[in-house]
């Protein structure tokens, strides 16, 4: 007795369904409707020492990451969780899937990344730090404002405080030769100091202060000459710490600024630490002022303070007599004159209700150092009284850099008189310039600078035909 045709079709349908189901189980990603991250780097792995990073995987999958970020349905997230948990996938790709879920606000992705920071060997931690930073970046792009990273705050703080050495042979490309701690790498590869500062995390202040104190104590003979910190991450933490308003900060900011001045280290660390002291009108800043007027960062912070803080101004006034010409010669004399010039400019701004005439006189005096600083201060005032003076000095002064500064000044001052001055300078001879041997500008460069400044005011193209 034969099998009815209807039963044959039923059996065939069941078998086909089983085949499909088996196929799905065997390769779930192949049958999924979600894009699959590509297990391929964009370029050579960016290894530093033995660190493992995920940047090349991220770059290779940038479009897919963005697409997956927008897939937030329950079914989609279940699929993303399955991929994150799949030990058959490359570990770096699992981190990327976790970063996507974390950026979506999914607790399982956040937990996965936190757990990885505790279970991963130090040499591989930079990849986890990369993934946490990626979650922050993706969430920031998705919301259009700073994301809430409270879920990772404790993890980031613990990482910054982690003193374990990542790689004894670790060498910084910036010349720092100290072995990097996990804390250094959390900053270098995770930007944890920046994220915590953006979150205004109150616990970050103590963590940053401890990090900086540790860095300053760890400077050794291996560090580059004049280093304030043992590794390059010190400057990044100073910048992050400067975003906080907390009395615990003053002592370490003063220590950083004093060390930088003593070491003659014209660094961003000095800029950020001293600006914090000045902005908070910390009396301790006067210790730096007494010895740091030579430094442009100290000068610019004081010159930019509005209104000027009188105790700071009085400190500058007290120091000025010590900066007069005496027994010094050569480079030491030049440095002293630079500090004196900075002090005089700060006092002009503080003492004069109308500083324009004295600023012009300062820039005209060829015995002064940093005359171009006075011209920069005039730029912000855009005073028409400076037009005939600037036009004349640009053609008569011998200092090669000053005409460029004066042309920029004229470009900032409104009115036809300034336009006519620039037009005149665009055909001037500039034959009074004393050009140093290692500087290679010609009169044509000055003329073109004037023509460009004029064109920026009038939408005319500079005439390149006047050699």
Foldseek 3Di string as FASTA:
>chain_A
DDDDPVVVVVVVVVVVVVVVVVVCVVPVQVPDPQDDQDPDFQDPFPDFALAHALVRSCVSCVVSLLVLLPPDDPVSLVVLLVVLPDPVDDPLSSLSSLLSCVLNVNVVSLVVLLVCLVPPQLRHCLHSLLSVLSSQVSNCVVVVHGDDPVSCLVVLLVQLVFAAFNHCCGDDPVQQGHGDGSNLSSCVRNVSLQSCLSNVPVVVLVSLLVSLVVQQVPCDPSGPQLDNGNDPCNLVSLQSNLSDDDPVVLVSLLSSLVSNLVSVPQDSSNLSSLLSCQVVVPPSSLVSLLRPLLHPSNLVSLQPDVPHDVVNLVSLVVNLVVLDDDPDDDPVVVSSLSSNLSSVSSCLNNPDPDSVVVLLVQLQDPVHPPNLVSLVVLLVVLDPVCQVSLLVCLQAPAAPCSLLSSLSSLLSHDDPSSLVSLVVLLQHQSVNHDDDPVDDDHSNVSSQSSQVSNCVVVVDHRDSPRD
